[in-house]
Amino acid sequence: MWTKIRHKLRNIFIAGLLTILPIFITYFMLAFLFKKVDNLSQPLVQRLLDFLSFTGYQGIYIPGLGITLTILIVFFTGLVVTNIIGSKLMEFGENLLNKIPLVNSIYGASKQFLYAISLSSQDSFSKVVLVEYPRKGVYSIGFITCTTTGEPQRFTEKELINIFIPTTPNPTSGMLIMVPKDDIIPLSMTVEEGIKLVVSGGMVTPLNNRLKHNHKKNA
C-alpha cells in the first residue's frame, strides 16, 4: 500500500517538475538574453545622449532602452542592404571578410546556417520522413531539405532527395544524407512535432498520430 502511494506521489511530483522546469528555463533564458543585449547597447545610448548634451540622463539605467536601440539598428541595416547601393557595399564587405583567415570560416558557416533555416521560398524542412539509416532495418527521423542537384545527382540513376538527419537531443546538429525518392517514407507529423520527437529522445510522440494509430488498430 505504501509503495503504491509513494509511486503515485513520485509521479505527481515528476509531472509538476516537468511542467514547471520548461517555464523557468524559458524565463531565465529570455531574461538572460534580454539583459545581455540590453547591457551591450546601453553604453551606445549613453554616448548618444552625451553627444546630444542630454546630461540629465547620465548614470540612469533605462530597462529596454538598449534592446530597443538594437532592434532599430537591425531594422536600419535591413533597409540599407535591401537597396542596390547597400547590397554592393555588403558584397564588398563580405569579400574583405572572406580574405581573413578564421574569420571567413566563422562568418561563412554562420551565414549559411542562418540562410538555410530562414528560407521560405523553397520547400526546406517542411516534411518529416522516415528513412532506413544507418543501415537496412534501422529507421531514422529526417527532414527533407530539397531535391538533390548538381554532381551527386549526375552520378546516380535514381532521383535523390536531400535529407537532414538530426541528432538527439540537439536537433541543430546532424548529418546530410541523399536518399532515393522511392526509399523515403513520408510521415503526417509536422516539422515541430518531428523536432519534439527528436529532442525528447522518442518520449514525446505526436498526439494526433498516436490517435490515428490507435484508431486504425481498434478498427
N, C-alpha and C. Protein backbone atom coordinates (compact mmCIF):
# COMPACT_ATOMS: atom_id res chain seq x y z
N MET A 1 0.84 -1.21 0.00
CA MET A 1 0.00 0.00 0.00
C MET A 1 0.88 1.26 0.00
N TRP A 2 1.87 1.26 0.90
CA TRP A 2 2.76 2.42 0.98
C TRP A 2 3.57 2.59 -0.30
N THR A 3 3.92 1.47 -0.94
CA THR A 3 4.68 1.54 -2.20
C THR A 3 3.87 2.21 -3.29
N LYS A 4 2.57 1.87 -3.37
CA LYS A 4 1.71 2.48 -4.38
C LYS A 4 1.57 3.99 -4.14
N ILE A 5 1.40 4.35 -2.88
CA ILE A 5 1.27 5.78 -2.54
C ILE A 5 2.55 6.53 -2.89
N ARG A 6 3.69 5.88 -2.60
CA ARG A 6 4.98 6.52 -2.88
C ARG A 6 5.17 6.71 -4.38
N HIS A 7 4.81 5.70 -5.17
CA HIS A 7 4.91 5.82 -6.63
C HIS A 7 3.97 6.89 -7.16
N LYS A 8 2.78 6.96 -6.58
CA LYS A 8 1.81 7.95 -7.01
C LYS A 8 2.31 9.36 -6.72
N LEU A 9 2.84 9.55 -5.51
CA LEU A 9 3.38 10.86 -5.13
C LEU A 9 4.58 11.23 -6.00
N ARG A 10 5.42 10.23 -6.30
CA ARG A 10 6.58 10.49 -7.15
C ARG A 10 6.15 10.90 -8.55
N ASN A 11 5.15 10.22 -9.11
CA ASN A 11 4.67 10.56 -10.45
C ASN A 11 4.06 11.95 -10.50
N ILE A 12 3.32 12.31 -9.41
CA ILE A 12 2.74 13.65 -9.35
C ILE A 12 3.84 14.71 -9.30
N PHE A 13 4.86 14.43 -8.48
CA PHE A 13 5.97 15.38 -8.35
C PHE A 13 6.72 15.53 -9.67
N ILE A 14 6.97 14.41 -10.36
CA ILE A 14 7.67 14.46 -11.64
C ILE A 14 6.85 15.23 -12.67
N ALA A 15 5.51 15.00 -12.67
CA ALA A 15 4.64 15.72 -13.60
C ALA A 15 4.71 17.22 -13.35
N GLY A 16 4.70 17.62 -12.06
CA GLY A 16 4.82 19.03 -11.73
C GLY A 16 6.16 19.60 -12.13
N LEU A 17 7.22 18.80 -11.91
CA LEU A 17 8.56 19.24 -12.26
C LEU A 17 8.71 19.44 -13.76
N LEU A 18 8.19 18.50 -14.54
CA LEU A 18 8.26 18.60 -16.00
C LEU A 18 7.43 19.76 -16.53
N THR A 19 6.43 20.20 -15.75
CA THR A 19 5.62 21.34 -16.17
C THR A 19 6.31 22.66 -15.83
N ILE A 20 6.90 22.73 -14.64
CA ILE A 20 7.48 23.98 -14.15
C ILE A 20 8.85 24.26 -14.77
N LEU A 21 9.69 23.21 -14.89
CA LEU A 21 11.06 23.42 -15.37
C LEU A 21 11.13 24.11 -16.74
N PRO A 22 10.37 23.65 -17.76
CA PRO A 22 10.45 24.35 -19.05
C PRO A 22 10.07 25.82 -18.95
N ILE A 23 9.10 26.13 -18.07
CA ILE A 23 8.68 27.53 -17.90
C ILE A 23 9.82 28.35 -17.32
N PHE A 24 10.46 27.82 -16.26
CA PHE A 24 11.56 28.54 -15.62
C PHE A 24 12.76 28.66 -16.55
N ILE A 25 13.08 27.58 -17.29
CA ILE A 25 14.21 27.63 -18.22
C ILE A 25 13.97 28.67 -19.30
N THR A 26 12.74 28.69 -19.84
CA THR A 26 12.39 29.68 -20.86
C THR A 26 12.51 31.09 -20.31
N TYR A 27 11.99 31.29 -19.10
CA TYR A 27 12.03 32.62 -18.48
C TYR A 27 13.46 33.09 -18.26
N PHE A 28 14.30 32.23 -17.67
CA PHE A 28 15.66 32.64 -17.36
C PHE A 28 16.50 32.84 -18.62
N MET A 29 16.25 32.03 -19.65
CA MET A 29 16.99 32.20 -20.90
C MET A 29 16.62 33.51 -21.57
N LEU A 30 15.31 33.81 -21.61
CA LEU A 30 14.88 35.07 -22.21
C LEU A 30 15.37 36.26 -21.40
N ALA A 31 15.32 36.15 -20.07
CA ALA A 31 15.80 37.23 -19.22
C ALA A 31 17.31 37.44 -19.41
N PHE A 32 18.06 36.33 -19.53
CA PHE A 32 19.50 36.41 -19.74
C PHE A 32 19.82 37.09 -21.07
N LEU A 33 19.14 36.66 -22.13
CA LEU A 33 19.38 37.25 -23.45
C LEU A 33 18.99 38.72 -23.47
N PHE A 34 17.85 39.05 -22.83
CA PHE A 34 17.39 40.43 -22.79
C PHE A 34 18.42 41.32 -22.10
N LYS A 35 18.94 40.87 -20.94
CA LYS A 35 19.90 41.67 -20.19
C LYS A 35 21.21 41.82 -20.96
N LYS A 36 21.66 40.72 -21.60
CA LYS A 36 22.91 40.76 -22.34
C LYS A 36 22.83 41.76 -23.49
N VAL A 37 21.75 41.67 -24.28
CA VAL A 37 21.59 42.59 -25.41
C VAL A 37 21.39 44.01 -24.92
N ASP A 38 20.61 44.16 -23.87
CA ASP A 38 20.34 45.49 -23.32
C ASP A 38 21.61 46.13 -22.78
N ASN A 39 22.42 45.36 -22.04
CA ASN A 39 23.66 45.89 -21.48
C ASN A 39 24.69 46.17 -22.57
N LEU A 40 24.61 45.40 -23.67
CA LEU A 40 25.56 45.62 -24.77
C LEU A 40 25.29 46.94 -25.47
N SER A 41 24.02 47.31 -25.61
CA SER A 41 23.66 48.52 -26.34
C SER A 41 23.51 49.73 -25.46
N GLN A 42 23.37 49.53 -24.15
CA GLN A 42 23.14 50.66 -23.24
C GLN A 42 24.26 51.71 -23.30
N PRO A 43 25.57 51.31 -23.33
CA PRO A 43 26.62 52.33 -23.43
C PRO A 43 26.50 53.19 -24.68
N LEU A 44 26.04 52.60 -25.80
CA LEU A 44 25.87 53.37 -27.02
C LEU A 44 24.79 54.43 -26.83
N VAL A 45 23.74 54.08 -26.10
CA VAL A 45 22.67 55.03 -25.83
C VAL A 45 23.20 56.17 -24.97
N GLN A 46 23.98 55.85 -23.94
CA GLN A 46 24.53 56.87 -23.07
C GLN A 46 25.45 57.82 -23.84
N ARG A 47 26.27 57.27 -24.72
CA ARG A 47 27.16 58.11 -25.51
C ARG A 47 26.36 59.01 -26.46
N LEU A 48 25.30 58.46 -27.03
CA LEU A 48 24.47 59.27 -27.92
C LEU A 48 23.82 60.41 -27.16
N LEU A 49 23.33 60.13 -25.94
CA LEU A 49 22.72 61.17 -25.12
C LEU A 49 23.74 62.22 -24.71
N ASP A 50 24.97 61.76 -24.41
CA ASP A 50 26.02 62.70 -24.07
C ASP A 50 26.36 63.59 -25.25
N PHE A 51 26.38 62.97 -26.45
CA PHE A 51 26.69 63.74 -27.65
C PHE A 51 25.63 64.80 -27.93
N LEU A 52 24.38 64.45 -27.60
CA LEU A 52 23.27 65.40 -27.82
C LEU A 52 23.08 66.34 -26.63
N SER A 53 24.03 66.25 -25.66
CA SER A 53 24.02 67.14 -24.49
C SER A 53 22.86 66.88 -23.54
N PHE A 54 22.34 65.66 -23.53
CA PHE A 54 21.31 65.30 -22.56
C PHE A 54 22.01 64.81 -21.28
N THR A 55 22.59 65.73 -20.54
CA THR A 55 23.39 65.37 -19.37
C THR A 55 22.54 64.84 -18.22
N GLY A 56 21.27 65.12 -18.22
CA GLY A 56 20.41 64.69 -17.11
C GLY A 56 20.21 63.20 -17.05
N TYR A 57 20.55 62.50 -18.13
CA TYR A 57 20.35 61.04 -18.18
C TYR A 57 21.59 60.27 -17.81
N GLN A 58 22.70 60.95 -17.46
CA GLN A 58 23.94 60.25 -17.16
C GLN A 58 23.78 59.37 -15.92
N GLY A 59 24.23 58.13 -16.04
CA GLY A 59 24.20 57.20 -14.91
C GLY A 59 22.84 56.58 -14.66
N ILE A 60 21.85 56.92 -15.45
CA ILE A 60 20.50 56.36 -15.26
C ILE A 60 20.31 55.16 -16.19
N TYR A 61 19.95 54.03 -15.61
CA TYR A 61 19.70 52.82 -16.41
C TYR A 61 18.22 52.74 -16.76
N ILE A 62 17.93 52.69 -18.03
CA ILE A 62 16.55 52.60 -18.51
C ILE A 62 16.35 51.21 -19.10
N PRO A 63 15.65 50.30 -18.40
CA PRO A 63 15.46 48.94 -18.92
C PRO A 63 14.76 48.94 -20.29
N GLY A 64 15.32 48.18 -21.20
CA GLY A 64 14.72 48.05 -22.52
C GLY A 64 15.21 49.06 -23.53
N LEU A 65 15.92 50.11 -23.07
CA LEU A 65 16.39 51.14 -23.99
C LEU A 65 17.46 50.59 -24.93
N GLY A 66 18.36 49.79 -24.37
CA GLY A 66 19.42 49.20 -25.18
C GLY A 66 18.90 48.24 -26.23
N ILE A 67 17.96 47.39 -25.84
CA ILE A 67 17.42 46.42 -26.79
C ILE A 67 16.57 47.11 -27.85
N THR A 68 15.92 48.22 -27.48
CA THR A 68 15.17 49.00 -28.47
C THR A 68 16.11 49.56 -29.52
N LEU A 69 17.27 50.06 -29.05
CA LEU A 69 18.27 50.56 -29.99
C LEU A 69 18.77 49.45 -30.90
N THR A 70 18.96 48.25 -30.34
CA THR A 70 19.42 47.12 -31.14
C THR A 70 18.42 46.77 -32.24
N ILE A 71 17.13 46.78 -31.90
CA ILE A 71 16.08 46.49 -32.89
C ILE A 71 16.11 47.54 -34.00
N LEU A 72 16.27 48.79 -33.62
CA LEU A 72 16.32 49.87 -34.61
C LEU A 72 17.54 49.73 -35.52
N ILE A 73 18.69 49.33 -34.93
CA ILE A 73 19.90 49.14 -35.73
C ILE A 73 19.71 48.00 -36.73
N VAL A 74 19.10 46.89 -36.27
CA VAL A 74 18.85 45.75 -37.17
C VAL A 74 17.92 46.16 -38.29
N PHE A 75 16.87 46.91 -37.95
CA PHE A 75 15.90 47.34 -38.97
C PHE A 75 16.56 48.29 -39.97
N PHE A 76 17.38 49.23 -39.46
CA PHE A 76 18.06 50.17 -40.34
C PHE A 76 19.04 49.44 -41.25
N THR A 77 19.73 48.43 -40.70
CA THR A 77 20.65 47.63 -41.51
C THR A 77 19.91 46.92 -42.63
N GLY A 78 18.71 46.40 -42.31
CA GLY A 78 17.89 45.75 -43.32
C GLY A 78 17.49 46.71 -44.43
N LEU A 79 17.17 47.95 -44.06
CA LEU A 79 16.83 48.96 -45.06
C LEU A 79 18.01 49.25 -45.98
N VAL A 80 19.21 49.29 -45.39
CA VAL A 80 20.41 49.62 -46.17
C VAL A 80 20.74 48.52 -47.16
N VAL A 81 20.74 47.25 -46.68
CA VAL A 81 21.21 46.15 -47.54
C VAL A 81 20.17 45.71 -48.56
N THR A 82 18.94 46.20 -48.46
CA THR A 82 17.91 45.81 -49.43
C THR A 82 17.83 46.75 -50.62
N ASN A 83 18.71 47.75 -50.69
CA ASN A 83 18.76 48.58 -51.89
C ASN A 83 20.05 48.29 -52.65
N ILE A 84 20.16 48.81 -53.85
CA ILE A 84 21.27 48.46 -54.73
C ILE A 84 22.62 48.89 -54.15
N ILE A 85 22.69 50.13 -53.67
CA ILE A 85 23.96 50.64 -53.13
C ILE A 85 24.37 49.85 -51.89
N GLY A 86 23.39 49.61 -51.01
CA GLY A 86 23.68 48.86 -49.79
C GLY A 86 24.13 47.45 -50.06
N SER A 87 23.50 46.79 -51.04
CA SER A 87 23.88 45.42 -51.37
C SER A 87 25.30 45.37 -51.94
N LYS A 88 25.68 46.40 -52.70
CA LYS A 88 27.05 46.45 -53.24
C LYS A 88 28.07 46.63 -52.11
N LEU A 89 27.73 47.51 -51.15
CA LEU A 89 28.62 47.71 -50.00
C LEU A 89 28.73 46.43 -49.17
N MET A 90 27.60 45.71 -49.03
CA MET A 90 27.59 44.46 -48.28
C MET A 90 28.46 43.42 -48.98
N GLU A 91 28.36 43.37 -50.29
CA GLU A 91 29.17 42.42 -51.07
C GLU A 91 30.65 42.74 -50.93
N PHE A 92 30.98 44.04 -50.95
CA PHE A 92 32.37 44.46 -50.79
C PHE A 92 32.90 44.07 -49.40
N GLY A 93 32.08 44.28 -48.36
CA GLY A 93 32.47 43.93 -47.00
C GLY A 93 32.65 42.43 -46.82
N GLU A 94 31.77 41.64 -47.43
CA GLU A 94 31.89 40.18 -47.33
C GLU A 94 33.14 39.68 -48.02
N ASN A 95 33.49 40.31 -49.13
CA ASN A 95 34.72 39.92 -49.84
C ASN A 95 35.95 40.17 -48.97
N LEU A 96 35.92 41.28 -48.21
CA LEU A 96 37.03 41.55 -47.29
C LEU A 96 37.09 40.52 -46.17
N LEU A 97 35.92 40.17 -45.61
CA LEU A 97 35.89 39.18 -44.53
C LEU A 97 36.36 37.81 -45.01
N ASN A 98 36.02 37.46 -46.24
CA ASN A 98 36.39 36.15 -46.78
C ASN A 98 37.89 36.01 -47.01
N LYS A 99 38.61 37.14 -46.98
CA LYS A 99 40.05 37.09 -47.17
C LYS A 99 40.82 36.98 -45.85
N ILE A 100 40.08 37.07 -44.73
CA ILE A 100 40.73 37.00 -43.41
C ILE A 100 40.64 35.57 -42.88
N PRO A 101 41.77 34.92 -42.61
CA PRO A 101 41.75 33.53 -42.09
C PRO A 101 40.96 33.45 -40.77
N LEU A 102 40.30 32.35 -40.55
CA LEU A 102 39.47 32.05 -39.38
C LEU A 102 38.18 32.85 -39.39
N VAL A 103 38.28 34.16 -39.65
CA VAL A 103 37.06 34.98 -39.71
C VAL A 103 36.16 34.52 -40.84
N ASN A 104 36.76 34.19 -42.00
CA ASN A 104 35.96 33.76 -43.14
C ASN A 104 35.22 32.45 -42.85
N SER A 105 35.87 31.55 -42.09
CA SER A 105 35.22 30.27 -41.77
C SER A 105 34.03 30.47 -40.85
N ILE A 106 34.23 31.28 -39.80
CA ILE A 106 33.15 31.52 -38.83
C ILE A 106 32.00 32.28 -39.48
N TYR A 107 32.33 33.33 -40.21
CA TYR A 107 31.30 34.15 -40.85
C TYR A 107 30.55 33.36 -41.91
N GLY A 108 31.30 32.62 -42.74
CA GLY A 108 30.66 31.86 -43.81
C GLY A 108 29.75 30.78 -43.28
N ALA A 109 30.20 30.05 -42.24
CA ALA A 109 29.39 28.96 -41.68
C ALA A 109 28.12 29.51 -41.02
N SER A 110 28.26 30.61 -40.26
CA SER A 110 27.09 31.17 -39.57
C SER A 110 26.09 31.73 -40.57
N LYS A 111 26.58 32.36 -41.63
CA LYS A 111 25.67 32.93 -42.62
C LYS A 111 24.92 31.83 -43.37
N GLN A 112 25.62 30.77 -43.73
CA GLN A 112 24.98 29.66 -44.44
C GLN A 112 23.93 28.98 -43.59
N PHE A 113 24.23 28.83 -42.28
CA PHE A 113 23.27 28.19 -41.39
C PHE A 113 22.01 29.05 -41.24
N LEU A 114 22.19 30.36 -41.01
CA LEU A 114 21.04 31.25 -40.86
C LEU A 114 20.25 31.35 -42.15
N TYR A 115 20.95 31.35 -43.27
CA TYR A 115 20.28 31.43 -44.57
C TYR A 115 19.45 30.16 -44.81
N ALA A 116 19.97 29.02 -44.40
CA ALA A 116 19.28 27.75 -44.63
C ALA A 116 17.99 27.68 -43.83
N ILE A 117 18.02 28.11 -42.55
CA ILE A 117 16.84 27.98 -41.71
C ILE A 117 15.81 29.08 -41.97
N SER A 118 16.22 30.13 -42.70
CA SER A 118 15.29 31.22 -42.96
C SER A 118 14.67 31.15 -44.35
N LEU A 119 15.04 30.15 -45.12
CA LEU A 119 14.48 30.03 -46.47
C LEU A 119 12.98 29.79 -46.40
N SER A 120 12.23 30.61 -47.09
CA SER A 120 10.79 30.42 -47.14
C SER A 120 10.29 30.17 -48.55
N SER A 121 11.13 30.50 -49.55
CA SER A 121 10.71 30.32 -50.93
C SER A 121 10.86 28.87 -51.39
N GLN A 122 11.70 28.09 -50.69
CA GLN A 122 11.88 26.70 -51.05
C GLN A 122 11.15 25.81 -50.05
N ASP A 123 11.12 24.53 -50.39
CA ASP A 123 10.39 23.56 -49.55
C ASP A 123 11.32 22.99 -48.49
N SER A 124 12.04 23.87 -47.76
CA SER A 124 13.04 23.43 -46.79
C SER A 124 12.40 23.07 -45.46
N PHE A 125 12.80 21.92 -44.92
CA PHE A 125 12.33 21.47 -43.62
C PHE A 125 10.81 21.55 -43.49
N SER A 126 10.11 21.22 -44.54
CA SER A 126 8.65 21.29 -44.49
C SER A 126 8.02 19.91 -44.36
N LYS A 127 8.82 18.84 -44.49
CA LYS A 127 8.28 17.49 -44.42
C LYS A 127 9.14 16.62 -43.53
N VAL A 128 8.47 15.80 -42.73
CA VAL A 128 9.16 14.83 -41.88
C VAL A 128 9.05 13.47 -42.55
N VAL A 129 10.16 12.76 -42.61
CA VAL A 129 10.16 11.47 -43.30
C VAL A 129 10.88 10.43 -42.44
N LEU A 130 10.70 9.20 -42.84
CA LEU A 130 11.36 8.07 -42.20
C LEU A 130 12.26 7.43 -43.25
N VAL A 131 13.53 7.21 -42.91
CA VAL A 131 14.47 6.59 -43.83
C VAL A 131 15.23 5.48 -43.12
N GLU A 132 15.65 4.49 -43.89
CA GLU A 132 16.45 3.40 -43.34
C GLU A 132 17.90 3.87 -43.23
N TYR A 133 18.27 4.25 -42.02
CA TYR A 133 19.60 4.79 -41.76
C TYR A 133 19.94 4.55 -40.29
N PRO A 134 21.14 4.11 -39.95
CA PRO A 134 22.35 4.00 -40.78
C PRO A 134 22.51 2.68 -41.53
N ARG A 135 21.54 1.78 -41.37
CA ARG A 135 21.61 0.53 -42.14
C ARG A 135 20.21 0.02 -42.38
N LYS A 136 20.07 -0.99 -43.23
CA LYS A 136 18.78 -1.59 -43.52
C LYS A 136 18.15 -2.16 -42.25
N GLY A 137 16.87 -1.91 -42.07
CA GLY A 137 16.16 -2.41 -40.90
C GLY A 137 16.18 -1.47 -39.72
N VAL A 138 16.97 -0.41 -39.77
CA VAL A 138 17.03 0.60 -38.72
C VAL A 138 16.53 1.92 -39.31
N TYR A 139 15.54 2.52 -38.68
CA TYR A 139 14.92 3.73 -39.24
C TYR A 139 15.28 4.97 -38.43
N SER A 140 15.40 6.09 -39.14
CA SER A 140 15.71 7.38 -38.52
C SER A 140 14.72 8.43 -39.00
N ILE A 141 14.42 9.38 -38.10
CA ILE A 141 13.60 10.53 -38.46
C ILE A 141 14.47 11.52 -39.23
N GLY A 142 13.94 12.04 -40.33
CA GLY A 142 14.68 13.02 -41.12
C GLY A 142 13.77 14.12 -41.62
N PHE A 143 14.38 15.20 -42.10
CA PHE A 143 13.64 16.33 -42.64
C PHE A 143 14.11 16.59 -44.07
N ILE A 144 13.16 16.67 -44.98
CA ILE A 144 13.51 16.96 -46.37
C ILE A 144 13.97 18.41 -46.48
N THR A 145 15.14 18.62 -47.10
CA THR A 145 15.62 19.97 -47.33
C THR A 145 15.32 20.42 -48.75
N CYS A 146 15.69 19.57 -49.73
CA CYS A 146 15.39 19.89 -51.12
C CYS A 146 15.75 18.69 -51.99
N THR A 147 15.48 18.80 -53.27
CA THR A 147 15.85 17.76 -54.22
C THR A 147 17.34 17.88 -54.53
N THR A 148 18.02 16.74 -54.59
CA THR A 148 19.46 16.75 -54.88
C THR A 148 19.71 17.22 -56.30
N THR A 149 20.67 18.11 -56.44
CA THR A 149 21.05 18.61 -57.75
C THR A 149 22.57 18.57 -57.89
N GLY A 150 23.03 18.94 -59.09
CA GLY A 150 24.47 19.04 -59.31
C GLY A 150 25.14 17.70 -59.51
N GLU A 151 26.42 17.64 -59.16
CA GLU A 151 27.25 16.47 -59.42
C GLU A 151 26.74 15.20 -58.74
N PRO A 152 26.29 15.24 -57.46
CA PRO A 152 25.80 13.99 -56.84
C PRO A 152 24.66 13.35 -57.63
N GLN A 153 23.76 14.14 -58.18
CA GLN A 153 22.64 13.59 -58.92
C GLN A 153 23.07 13.04 -60.28
N ARG A 154 24.08 13.66 -60.88
CA ARG A 154 24.53 13.22 -62.21
C ARG A 154 25.17 11.84 -62.17
N PHE A 155 25.68 11.43 -61.02
CA PHE A 155 26.35 10.14 -60.91
C PHE A 155 25.40 9.02 -60.49
N THR A 156 24.12 9.32 -60.35
CA THR A 156 23.14 8.30 -59.95
C THR A 156 21.97 8.28 -60.92
N GLU A 157 21.36 7.11 -61.08
CA GLU A 157 20.23 6.97 -61.98
C GLU A 157 18.91 7.35 -61.31
N LYS A 158 18.81 7.06 -60.00
CA LYS A 158 17.57 7.36 -59.28
C LYS A 158 17.54 8.82 -58.83
N GLU A 159 16.33 9.36 -58.73
CA GLU A 159 16.17 10.72 -58.23
C GLU A 159 16.46 10.75 -56.73
N LEU A 160 17.38 11.60 -56.33
CA LEU A 160 17.78 11.68 -54.93
C LEU A 160 17.14 12.88 -54.24
N ILE A 161 16.90 12.71 -52.93
CA ILE A 161 16.35 13.78 -52.09
C ILE A 161 17.33 14.03 -50.94
N ASN A 162 17.62 15.29 -50.69
CA ASN A 162 18.48 15.64 -49.56
C ASN A 162 17.69 15.55 -48.26
N ILE A 163 18.19 14.75 -47.33
CA ILE A 163 17.54 14.54 -46.04
C ILE A 163 18.50 14.95 -44.93
N PHE A 164 18.01 15.78 -44.02
CA PHE A 164 18.80 16.16 -42.86
C PHE A 164 18.40 15.26 -41.69
N ILE A 165 19.36 14.51 -41.16
CA ILE A 165 19.12 13.63 -40.03
C ILE A 165 19.61 14.33 -38.76
N PRO A 166 18.71 14.79 -37.88
CA PRO A 166 19.13 15.50 -36.67
C PRO A 166 19.60 14.53 -35.60
N THR A 167 20.37 15.05 -34.65
CA THR A 167 20.85 14.25 -33.52
C THR A 167 20.01 14.56 -32.28
N THR A 168 20.00 13.64 -31.35
CA THR A 168 19.27 13.80 -30.09
C THR A 168 20.28 14.09 -28.97
N PRO A 169 20.03 15.08 -28.10
CA PRO A 169 18.81 15.90 -28.00
C PRO A 169 18.95 17.25 -28.70
N ASN A 170 20.05 17.45 -29.46
CA ASN A 170 20.29 18.74 -30.11
C ASN A 170 20.00 18.62 -31.60
N PRO A 171 18.81 19.04 -32.06
CA PRO A 171 18.44 18.85 -33.47
C PRO A 171 19.13 19.80 -34.42
N THR A 172 19.89 20.79 -33.89
CA THR A 172 20.59 21.72 -34.78
C THR A 172 21.84 21.10 -35.38
N SER A 173 22.31 20.00 -34.79
CA SER A 173 23.43 19.26 -35.37
C SER A 173 22.91 17.96 -35.96
N GLY A 174 23.64 17.45 -36.91
CA GLY A 174 23.20 16.21 -37.56
C GLY A 174 24.03 15.95 -38.80
N MET A 175 23.43 15.29 -39.76
CA MET A 175 24.17 14.95 -40.98
C MET A 175 23.24 14.99 -42.19
N LEU A 176 23.85 15.19 -43.32
CA LEU A 176 23.12 15.21 -44.59
C LEU A 176 23.28 13.87 -45.28
N ILE A 177 22.17 13.27 -45.69
CA ILE A 177 22.23 12.05 -46.49
C ILE A 177 21.37 12.25 -47.73
N MET A 178 21.71 11.58 -48.79
CA MET A 178 20.97 11.67 -50.05
C MET A 178 20.33 10.32 -50.31
N VAL A 179 19.00 10.32 -50.32
CA VAL A 179 18.24 9.08 -50.36
C VAL A 179 17.40 9.03 -51.63
N PRO A 180 17.35 7.87 -52.31
CA PRO A 180 16.44 7.75 -53.46
C PRO A 180 15.00 8.05 -53.06
N LYS A 181 14.30 8.76 -53.89
CA LYS A 181 12.95 9.20 -53.58
C LYS A 181 12.03 8.04 -53.22
N ASP A 182 12.19 6.89 -53.90
CA ASP A 182 11.33 5.73 -53.67
C ASP A 182 11.58 5.08 -52.30
N ASP A 183 12.73 5.38 -51.68
CA ASP A 183 13.06 4.76 -50.39
C ASP A 183 12.65 5.62 -49.20
N ILE A 184 11.99 6.74 -49.46
CA ILE A 184 11.59 7.66 -48.40
C ILE A 184 10.15 7.37 -47.97
N ILE A 185 9.92 7.28 -46.67
CA ILE A 185 8.57 7.06 -46.13
C ILE A 185 8.07 8.39 -45.55
N PRO A 186 7.12 9.08 -46.20
CA PRO A 186 6.62 10.35 -45.68
C PRO A 186 5.76 10.14 -44.43
N LEU A 187 5.87 11.04 -43.46
CA LEU A 187 5.08 10.99 -42.23
C LEU A 187 4.10 12.16 -42.20
N SER A 188 3.00 11.98 -41.46
CA SER A 188 1.97 13.01 -41.40
C SER A 188 2.25 14.06 -40.32
N MET A 189 3.21 13.81 -39.44
CA MET A 189 3.51 14.77 -38.37
C MET A 189 4.12 16.04 -38.94
N THR A 190 3.95 17.14 -38.21
CA THR A 190 4.52 18.41 -38.62
C THR A 190 6.00 18.46 -38.27
N VAL A 191 6.69 19.46 -38.81
CA VAL A 191 8.12 19.62 -38.50
C VAL A 191 8.31 19.86 -37.01
N GLU A 192 7.44 20.66 -36.41
CA GLU A 192 7.53 20.94 -34.97
C GLU A 192 7.37 19.66 -34.16
N GLU A 193 6.43 18.81 -34.56
CA GLU A 193 6.23 17.54 -33.86
C GLU A 193 7.44 16.63 -34.04
N GLY A 194 8.02 16.66 -35.25
CA GLY A 194 9.20 15.85 -35.50
C GLY A 194 10.39 16.28 -34.65
N ILE A 195 10.55 17.59 -34.49
CA ILE A 195 11.64 18.11 -33.66
C ILE A 195 11.43 17.72 -32.20
N LYS A 196 10.17 17.81 -31.73
CA LYS A 196 9.88 17.41 -30.35
C LYS A 196 10.20 15.93 -30.13
N LEU A 197 9.91 15.12 -31.13
CA LEU A 197 10.19 13.69 -31.04
C LEU A 197 11.69 13.44 -30.93
N VAL A 198 12.47 14.20 -31.70
CA VAL A 198 13.93 14.04 -31.69
C VAL A 198 14.52 14.54 -30.38
N VAL A 199 14.10 15.73 -29.94
CA VAL A 199 14.64 16.34 -28.73
C VAL A 199 14.36 15.48 -27.50
N SER A 200 13.17 14.90 -27.45
CA SER A 200 12.78 14.10 -26.28
C SER A 200 13.35 12.69 -26.32
N GLY A 201 14.07 12.35 -27.37
CA GLY A 201 14.61 11.00 -27.47
C GLY A 201 13.54 9.96 -27.73
N GLY A 202 12.43 10.38 -28.34
CA GLY A 202 11.34 9.45 -28.66
C GLY A 202 10.28 9.35 -27.59
N MET A 203 10.44 10.10 -26.48
CA MET A 203 9.45 10.00 -25.39
C MET A 203 8.19 10.81 -25.67
N VAL A 204 8.33 11.87 -26.48
CA VAL A 204 7.17 12.71 -26.81
C VAL A 204 6.72 12.36 -28.21
N THR A 205 5.68 11.55 -28.32
CA THR A 205 5.13 11.15 -29.61
C THR A 205 3.97 12.06 -29.97
N PRO A 206 3.92 12.57 -31.20
CA PRO A 206 2.81 13.45 -31.59
C PRO A 206 1.46 12.84 -31.28
N LEU A 207 0.60 13.61 -30.59
CA LEU A 207 -0.69 13.10 -30.12
C LEU A 207 -1.59 12.73 -31.28
N ASN A 208 -1.65 13.58 -32.31
CA ASN A 208 -2.54 13.32 -33.44
C ASN A 208 -2.22 12.01 -34.12
N ASN A 209 -0.92 11.73 -34.27
CA ASN A 209 -0.52 10.49 -34.93
C ASN A 209 -0.78 9.28 -34.05
N ARG A 210 -0.66 9.45 -32.71
CA ARG A 210 -0.99 8.34 -31.81
C ARG A 210 -2.47 8.01 -31.91
N LEU A 211 -3.31 9.05 -31.97
CA LEU A 211 -4.74 8.81 -32.06
C LEU A 211 -5.10 8.11 -33.36
N LYS A 212 -4.43 8.53 -34.47
CA LYS A 212 -4.70 7.88 -35.76
C LYS A 212 -4.28 6.42 -35.71
N HIS A 213 -3.13 6.15 -35.07
CA HIS A 213 -2.62 4.78 -35.00
C HIS A 213 -3.56 3.92 -34.17
N ASN A 214 -4.02 4.45 -33.02
CA ASN A 214 -4.92 3.69 -32.16
C ASN A 214 -6.26 3.45 -32.83
N HIS A 215 -6.71 4.45 -33.62
CA HIS A 215 -7.98 4.30 -34.31
C HIS A 215 -7.92 3.18 -35.35
N LYS A 216 -6.79 3.14 -36.11
CA LYS A 216 -6.62 2.11 -37.12
C LYS A 216 -6.51 0.74 -36.45
N LYS A 217 -5.81 0.71 -35.29
CA LYS A 217 -5.62 -0.57 -34.59
C LYS A 217 -6.94 -1.11 -34.07
N ASN A 218 -7.77 -0.20 -33.52
CA ASN A 218 -9.08 -0.63 -32.99
C ASN A 218 -10.02 -1.03 -34.11
N ALA A 219 -9.87 -0.37 -35.28
CA ALA A 219 -10.76 -0.69 -36.39
C ALA A 219 -10.42 -2.08 -36.95
